[in-house]
Amino acid sequence: MPIPPHTSSNPSTAGAIPETMTAVTARRYGDTDVLAIETIPTPAVTPGKLLVQVLGSSANALDWRILSGTPLFVRLVMGLRKPKRLSPGADVAGRVLAVGEGVTGFAIGDAVFGEAAGGAFSEYASVTAKNCVVLPARIDFVAAGATPVAGLTALQGLRREGAVQPGDRVLINGAAGGVGTFAVQLARILGATEITAVCSGRNVEQSRALGATRVIDYETEDYIAAGGQYDVVFDLMGNRTAGELRSILAPGARVVGVSGPMTNRWVGPVFHLMRMGRAFKGTDVSFHQFTAAPTPDDLNYLAELLASGELVPAIERVVGLDGVVDAIDQIASSHGRGKVAVVPSGAPNPAE
């Protein structure tokens, strides 16, 4: 969108920055009916931050959890009575419009992508500089904006926690969603020779196209009963016990648990993950639970894969800010398929 005339007094800005912007807002916790599209002040340029014109973003399960304030312990960080951040959205790709004090390595006009602490479902976002990197030339902003949260979760889960090595046999439980579609591709990139994707029947062909060597439709077949021996199980669903998984784990296997059943409104899947950790303790199987976090090294690695075409976000559709409600509703239903990209202001593509 054209930038209206408004001259910033900060010398490290691109010049004219609008005083207000259009954004998706959530002024209280709840379902997607609490979301609105409003005109709000454009974020200030503060030390350690970049002001980014958002040209690509996407919806994640993280956005749903923060919006709903569940499990309830997230409110200790995000705000007890209402969200601290008025606008949701964590994935961000776009152009730098202003550079805050103390920030190095970025210049006005740079194409960047990374993870914001909210605020990406808007035309402009304030992003901590250490949580984003400069994009290589000619990466599509829509693709870049669909990658950070889900891509980092898949990468850190498989490479760091699961220690996937060439020749490993990997099973991905929940292969059709945002993280799962990245995980199938990254398992292949990391050298896994057998990649088993567990998903619903409607997503079987998608998983095969992304690189799965075996696809199990959980609607018609139990992946435990189907057998096999796996060096790494990347579990995005948390719907099986440690005892059930034992039969398909090779000696020295690594089980990576990302989530689990939300049976406790206060701590969500925490008890499930703790039980899994205890069950494998003292065995030759290691259990890994983690929370993904942006690092420059991992973001740069993902950017290189995007630039080379080895990694391609599985984007189901692209929506504007008025499509955020449907995108988050789809995630909340647990029937997501790939990524729903969000383009707040008509992104030019590719990034040059």
Protein backbone atom coordinates (compact mmCIF):
# COMPACT_ATOMS: atom_id res chain seq x y z
CA MET A 1 0.00 0.00 0.00
CA PRO A 2 1.26 3.57 -0.56
CA ILE A 3 2.67 5.16 2.58
CA PRO A 4 0.72 8.28 3.54
CA PRO A 5 2.69 11.44 4.29
CA HIS A 6 3.91 11.47 7.88
CA THR A 7 7.52 12.39 8.56
CA SER A 8 9.04 10.56 11.50
CA SER A 9 11.43 12.43 13.79
CA ASN A 10 13.61 9.32 14.10
CA PRO A 11 16.66 9.70 11.79
CA SER A 12 16.88 5.92 11.34
CA THR A 13 13.61 5.66 9.46
CA ALA A 14 12.69 5.51 5.80
CA GLY A 15 11.04 8.93 6.04
CA ALA A 16 7.28 8.94 5.67
CA ILE A 17 5.64 6.48 8.06
CA PRO A 18 1.89 6.53 8.67
CA GLU A 19 0.59 7.48 12.09
CA THR A 20 -2.08 4.76 11.93
CA MET A 21 -2.51 1.35 10.36
CA THR A 22 -5.09 -1.36 9.79
CA ALA A 23 -4.74 -4.37 12.07
CA VAL A 24 -6.56 -7.41 13.38
CA THR A 25 -7.11 -6.84 17.10
CA ALA A 26 -8.08 -8.90 20.14
CA ARG A 27 -8.97 -6.78 23.16
CA ARG A 28 -9.85 -9.77 25.32
CA TYR A 29 -9.31 -13.54 25.42
CA GLY A 30 -11.83 -15.78 23.71
CA ASP A 31 -12.76 -17.49 20.46
CA THR A 32 -12.32 -15.81 17.11
CA ASP A 33 -15.46 -13.78 17.72
CA VAL A 34 -13.31 -11.41 19.82
CA LEU A 35 -11.24 -10.51 16.74
CA ALA A 36 -11.88 -7.25 14.93
CA ILE A 37 -10.27 -5.18 12.20
CA GLU A 38 -9.45 -1.70 13.47
CA THR A 39 -7.39 1.36 12.73
CA ILE A 40 -4.78 1.67 15.48
CA PRO A 41 -1.54 3.64 15.98
CA THR A 42 1.48 2.42 14.04
CA PRO A 43 4.07 0.96 16.45
CA ALA A 44 6.84 3.25 17.60
CA VAL A 45 10.45 2.55 16.66
CA THR A 46 12.12 1.48 19.91
CA PRO A 47 15.65 0.33 20.84
CA GLY A 48 16.52 -3.15 19.66
CA LYS A 49 13.54 -3.29 17.30
CA LEU A 50 12.78 -2.98 13.60
CA LEU A 51 9.63 -1.44 12.19
CA VAL A 52 8.60 -3.74 9.35
CA GLN A 53 5.97 -3.26 6.68
CA VAL A 54 4.29 -6.67 6.83
CA LEU A 55 4.05 -8.22 3.37
CA GLY A 56 3.53 -11.81 4.45
CA SER A 57 2.37 -13.67 7.55
CA SER A 58 0.42 -16.84 8.39
CA ALA A 59 -1.76 -18.41 11.05
CA ASN A 60 -0.33 -20.87 13.59
CA ALA A 61 -1.60 -22.93 16.50
CA LEU A 62 0.42 -20.50 18.63
CA ASP A 63 -1.91 -17.69 17.57
CA TRP A 64 -4.94 -19.72 18.60
CA ARG A 65 -3.48 -20.57 22.00
CA ILE A 66 -2.63 -16.95 22.76
CA LEU A 67 -6.00 -15.71 21.49
CA SER A 68 -7.94 -18.18 23.61
CA GLY A 69 -5.61 -17.82 26.60
CA THR A 70 -5.41 -21.60 26.96
CA PRO A 71 -3.94 -23.38 28.72
CA LEU A 72 -4.46 -20.77 31.41
CA PHE A 73 -0.81 -20.60 32.44
CA VAL A 74 -0.03 -18.74 29.20
CA ARG A 75 -1.80 -15.74 30.72
CA LEU A 76 1.00 -15.40 33.27
CA VAL A 77 3.17 -14.30 30.34
CA MET A 78 0.64 -12.89 27.89
CA GLY A 79 -1.50 -10.91 30.36
CA LEU A 80 -3.76 -12.06 33.19
CA ARG A 81 -6.98 -10.26 32.29
CA LYS A 82 -6.45 -9.46 28.61
CA PRO A 83 -3.69 -9.92 26.03
CA LYS A 84 -0.76 -7.54 26.47
CA ARG A 85 -0.34 -7.36 22.70
CA LEU A 86 -3.36 -5.79 21.00
CA SER A 87 -2.76 -7.41 17.60
CA PRO A 88 -1.99 -11.15 17.22
CA GLY A 89 0.24 -12.81 14.64
CA ALA A 90 3.76 -14.21 15.03
CA ASP A 91 5.03 -14.95 11.50
CA VAL A 92 6.38 -11.89 9.74
CA ALA A 93 8.03 -11.12 6.40
CA GLY A 94 8.38 -7.70 4.85
CA ARG A 95 10.55 -4.61 4.43
CA VAL A 96 12.36 -2.64 7.08
CA LEU A 97 10.99 0.89 7.40
CA ALA A 98 12.86 1.95 10.53
CA VAL A 99 15.81 0.72 12.56
CA GLY A 100 15.79 1.17 16.33
CA GLU A 101 18.68 2.35 18.43
CA GLY A 102 21.36 -0.28 19.02
CA VAL A 103 20.38 -2.45 16.05
CA THR A 104 23.13 -3.48 13.63
CA GLY A 105 23.10 -5.64 10.51
CA PHE A 106 19.88 -4.22 9.07
CA ALA A 107 19.24 -1.31 6.74
CA ILE A 108 16.10 0.50 5.68
CA GLY A 109 14.59 -1.30 2.70
CA ASP A 110 15.95 -4.72 3.63
CA ALA A 111 13.67 -7.68 3.00
CA VAL A 112 13.45 -9.64 6.26
CA PHE A 113 11.58 -12.48 7.88
CA GLY A 114 11.33 -13.89 11.37
CA GLU A 115 9.13 -14.16 14.41
CA ALA A 116 7.27 -11.31 16.10
CA ALA A 117 5.91 -11.34 19.63
CA GLY A 118 2.46 -10.61 18.20
CA GLY A 119 1.43 -7.80 15.90
CA ALA A 120 2.02 -9.45 12.52
CA PHE A 121 -1.66 -9.46 11.52
CA SER A 122 -1.33 -5.78 10.69
CA GLU A 123 0.17 -3.53 8.07
CA TYR A 124 3.23 -2.70 10.21
CA ALA A 125 4.88 -4.61 13.05
CA SER A 126 7.55 -3.91 15.62
CA VAL A 127 9.92 -6.90 15.60
CA THR A 128 12.87 -7.65 17.86
CA ALA A 129 15.89 -7.48 15.55
CA LYS A 130 17.55 -10.61 16.91
CA ASN A 131 14.43 -12.61 15.99
CA CYS A 132 14.66 -11.98 12.26
CA VAL A 133 17.19 -12.11 9.43
CA VAL A 134 17.68 -10.57 6.00
CA LEU A 135 16.12 -12.63 3.22
CA PRO A 136 18.18 -13.77 0.24
CA ALA A 137 17.15 -12.18 -3.04
CA ARG A 138 13.94 -13.19 -4.77
CA ILE A 139 12.23 -15.16 -2.02
CA ASP A 140 8.49 -14.74 -2.23
CA PHE A 141 7.22 -12.71 0.74
CA VAL A 142 4.17 -14.95 1.01
CA ALA A 143 6.34 -18.08 1.27
CA ALA A 144 8.69 -16.39 3.72
CA GLY A 145 5.78 -15.22 5.87
CA ALA A 146 4.38 -18.75 6.04
CA THR A 147 7.62 -20.25 7.35
CA PRO A 148 9.02 -18.95 10.68
CA VAL A 149 6.98 -20.50 13.53
CA ALA A 150 6.13 -23.81 11.85
CA GLY A 151 9.47 -24.09 10.06
CA LEU A 152 11.47 -23.42 13.23
CA THR A 153 9.39 -25.94 15.19
CA ALA A 154 9.98 -28.65 12.59
CA LEU A 155 13.67 -27.83 12.16
CA GLN A 156 14.54 -27.63 15.85
CA GLY A 157 12.45 -30.69 16.64
CA LEU A 158 14.09 -32.84 13.99
CA ARG A 159 17.65 -31.51 13.77
CA ARG A 160 18.37 -30.48 17.37
CA GLU A 161 16.05 -32.63 19.50
CA GLY A 162 15.63 -35.64 17.23
CA ALA A 163 19.20 -35.47 15.89
CA VAL A 164 18.06 -36.88 12.53
CA GLN A 165 21.01 -38.39 10.67
CA PRO A 166 21.38 -39.65 7.08
CA GLY A 167 19.81 -43.08 6.85
CA ASP A 168 17.41 -42.59 9.77
CA ARG A 169 13.83 -43.84 9.69
CA VAL A 170 11.45 -41.08 10.77
CA LEU A 171 7.74 -41.14 11.61
CA ILE A 172 5.78 -37.88 11.71
CA ASN A 173 2.46 -38.10 13.57
CA GLY A 174 0.38 -35.14 12.38
CA ALA A 175 2.00 -34.64 9.00
CA ALA A 176 -0.69 -32.54 7.32
CA GLY A 177 -0.64 -29.33 9.35
CA GLY A 178 1.74 -26.40 9.22
CA VAL A 179 4.53 -27.98 11.26
CA GLY A 180 3.97 -31.44 9.82
CA THR A 181 4.29 -30.35 6.20
CA PHE A 182 7.62 -28.69 6.99
CA ALA A 183 8.73 -31.75 8.99
CA VAL A 184 8.20 -34.15 6.08
CA GLN A 185 10.38 -31.97 3.84
CA LEU A 186 13.05 -31.32 6.46
CA ALA A 187 13.35 -35.01 7.32
CA ARG A 188 14.15 -35.62 3.67
CA ILE A 189 16.61 -32.71 3.54
CA LEU A 190 18.37 -33.99 6.68
CA GLY A 191 18.91 -37.34 5.01
CA ALA A 192 16.20 -39.64 6.38
CA THR A 193 15.74 -42.56 4.02
CA GLU A 194 12.35 -43.67 5.33
CA ILE A 195 9.76 -41.00 6.13
CA THR A 196 6.39 -42.19 7.33
CA ALA A 197 3.66 -39.56 7.44
CA VAL A 198 0.53 -40.10 9.55
CA CYS A 199 -2.41 -37.99 8.38
CA SER A 200 -6.05 -38.17 7.29
CA GLY A 201 -7.07 -39.65 3.98
CA ARG A 202 -7.62 -36.30 2.28
CA ASN A 203 -3.98 -35.38 2.91
CA VAL A 204 -2.31 -38.59 1.76
CA GLU A 205 -1.30 -37.26 -1.66
CA GLN A 206 -0.01 -34.02 -0.15
CA SER A 207 2.32 -35.97 2.16
CA ARG A 208 3.59 -38.10 -0.71
CA ALA A 209 4.25 -35.01 -2.82
CA LEU A 210 6.27 -33.46 0.01
CA GLY A 211 8.57 -36.47 0.23
CA ALA A 212 6.99 -39.10 2.48
CA THR A 213 8.01 -42.62 1.46
CA ARG A 214 5.09 -44.16 3.35
CA VAL A 215 1.76 -42.57 4.29
CA ILE A 216 -0.63 -43.99 6.87
CA ASP A 217 -4.22 -42.78 6.84
CA TYR A 218 -5.12 -42.77 10.53
CA GLU A 219 -8.82 -42.93 9.63
CA THR A 220 -8.42 -46.44 8.25
CA GLU A 221 -5.18 -47.76 9.79
CA ASP A 222 -3.49 -47.62 13.19
CA TYR A 223 0.14 -46.59 12.72
CA ILE A 224 1.17 -48.61 15.78
CA ALA A 225 -0.49 -51.76 14.42
CA ALA A 226 1.01 -51.05 10.99
CA GLY A 227 4.41 -51.74 12.52
CA GLY A 228 7.87 -50.65 11.47
CA GLN A 229 10.98 -49.60 13.33
CA TYR A 230 11.77 -45.90 13.67
CA ASP A 231 14.86 -44.05 14.82
CA VAL A 232 12.91 -40.82 15.33
CA VAL A 233 9.22 -40.27 16.10
CA PHE A 234 8.19 -36.63 15.72
CA ASP A 235 4.88 -36.50 17.55
CA LEU A 236 2.70 -33.47 16.92
CA MET A 237 -0.48 -35.06 18.26
CA GLY A 238 0.42 -36.67 21.59
CA ASN A 239 -2.36 -39.22 21.23
CA ARG A 240 -0.39 -42.39 22.05
CA THR A 241 1.23 -43.63 25.25
CA ALA A 242 4.87 -44.49 25.72
CA GLY A 243 3.92 -48.15 26.04
CA GLU A 244 2.19 -48.10 22.66
CA LEU A 245 5.12 -46.38 20.97
CA ARG A 246 7.69 -48.85 22.31
CA SER A 247 6.74 -51.48 19.73
CA ILE A 248 7.76 -49.27 16.80
CA LEU A 249 10.95 -47.75 18.29
CA ALA A 250 14.38 -48.93 17.21
CA PRO A 251 17.15 -49.26 19.82
CA GLY A 252 18.38 -45.79 20.78
CA ALA A 253 15.36 -44.08 19.22
CA ARG A 254 14.47 -40.46 19.92
CA VAL A 255 10.86 -39.45 20.56
CA VAL A 256 10.17 -35.74 20.14
CA GLY A 257 6.94 -34.54 21.72
CA VAL A 258 5.64 -31.18 20.53
CA SER A 259 2.19 -31.21 22.07
CA GLY A 260 -0.46 -33.45 23.56
CA PRO A 261 -4.09 -33.62 24.62
CA MET A 262 -5.45 -30.41 26.17
CA THR A 263 -7.16 -32.27 29.00
CA ASN A 264 -6.14 -29.82 31.70
CA ARG A 265 -7.35 -26.22 31.30
CA TRP A 266 -4.52 -24.90 33.47
CA VAL A 267 -1.44 -26.60 32.02
CA GLY A 268 -2.75 -28.23 28.84
CA PRO A 269 -0.43 -31.00 27.56
CA VAL A 270 2.22 -30.56 30.29
CA PHE A 271 1.13 -33.60 32.33
CA HIS A 272 1.08 -35.79 29.21
CA LEU A 273 4.60 -34.70 28.28
CA MET A 274 5.85 -35.27 31.82
CA ARG A 275 4.38 -38.78 31.82
CA MET A 276 6.09 -39.54 28.53
CA GLY A 277 9.43 -38.33 29.87
CA ARG A 278 9.11 -40.48 32.99
CA ALA A 279 8.05 -43.55 31.03
CA PHE A 280 11.18 -43.50 28.85
CA LYS A 281 13.57 -42.59 31.65
CA GLY A 282 16.16 -45.29 32.21
CA THR A 283 15.51 -46.92 28.82
CA ASP A 284 17.55 -46.76 25.65
CA VAL A 285 14.91 -44.41 24.18
CA SER A 286 15.23 -40.68 24.81
CA PHE A 287 12.24 -38.38 25.06
CA HIS A 288 12.56 -34.73 24.04
CA GLN A 289 10.07 -31.96 24.72
CA PHE A 290 10.92 -28.44 23.63
CA THR A 291 9.61 -25.01 22.81
CA ALA A 292 10.83 -23.60 19.52
CA ALA A 293 12.49 -20.19 19.55
CA PRO A 294 13.89 -18.06 16.73
CA THR A 295 17.66 -18.00 16.28
CA PRO A 296 19.55 -16.27 13.45
CA ASP A 297 21.31 -19.51 12.51
CA ASP A 298 18.09 -21.47 12.14
CA LEU A 299 16.28 -18.66 10.33
CA ASN A 300 19.20 -18.29 7.91
CA TYR A 301 19.17 -22.05 7.30
CA LEU A 302 15.45 -21.95 6.48
CA ALA A 303 15.99 -18.91 4.25
CA GLU A 304 18.69 -20.74 2.29
CA LEU A 305 16.37 -23.71 1.78
CA LEU A 306 13.56 -21.41 0.61
CA ALA A 307 15.93 -19.65 -1.80
CA SER A 308 17.16 -22.95 -3.26
CA GLY A 309 13.64 -24.33 -3.65
CA GLU A 310 14.42 -27.37 -1.48
CA LEU A 311 11.84 -26.21 1.06
CA VAL A 312 8.44 -25.03 -0.15
CA PRO A 313 5.68 -24.06 2.32
CA ALA A 314 2.52 -26.05 1.72
CA ILE A 315 0.21 -23.06 1.39
CA GLU A 316 -3.44 -24.04 1.14
CA ARG A 317 -4.68 -20.53 0.45
CA VAL A 318 -3.77 -16.86 0.79
CA VAL A 319 -6.09 -14.44 2.60
CA GLY A 320 -6.13 -10.81 3.67
CA LEU A 321 -6.71 -9.54 7.18
CA ASP A 322 -10.40 -10.31 6.75
CA GLY A 323 -9.52 -14.00 6.41
CA VAL A 324 -7.68 -14.32 9.74
CA VAL A 325 -10.82 -15.45 11.60
CA ASP A 326 -11.41 -18.39 9.24
CA ALA A 327 -7.69 -19.28 9.30
CA ILE A 328 -7.57 -19.51 13.10
CA ASP A 329 -10.92 -21.31 13.23
CA GLN A 330 -9.45 -23.95 10.93
CA ILE A 331 -6.48 -24.42 13.24
CA ALA A 332 -8.73 -24.60 16.30
CA SER A 333 -10.70 -27.40 14.63
CA SER A 334 -7.52 -29.54 14.52
CA HIS A 335 -8.14 -30.13 10.82
CA GLY A 336 -5.60 -27.75 9.37
CA ARG A 337 -4.01 -28.54 6.04
CA GLY A 338 -0.66 -26.92 5.42
CA LYS A 339 -0.53 -23.17 5.93
CA VAL A 340 -3.00 -20.34 5.47
CA ALA A 341 -0.92 -17.35 4.43
CA VAL A 342 -1.98 -13.82 5.38
CA VAL A 343 -1.11 -10.84 3.20
CA PRO A 344 -2.03 -7.65 5.06
CA SER A 345 -1.35 -5.07 2.39
CA GLY A 346 -0.94 -6.57 -1.05
CA ALA A 347 2.61 -7.86 -0.95
CA PRO A 348 4.84 -7.30 -3.97
CA ASN A 349 6.49 -10.58 -4.90
CA PRO A 350 9.15 -11.78 -5.06
CA ALA A 351 11.43 -9.96 -2.61
CA GLU A 352 14.24 -8.29 -4.53
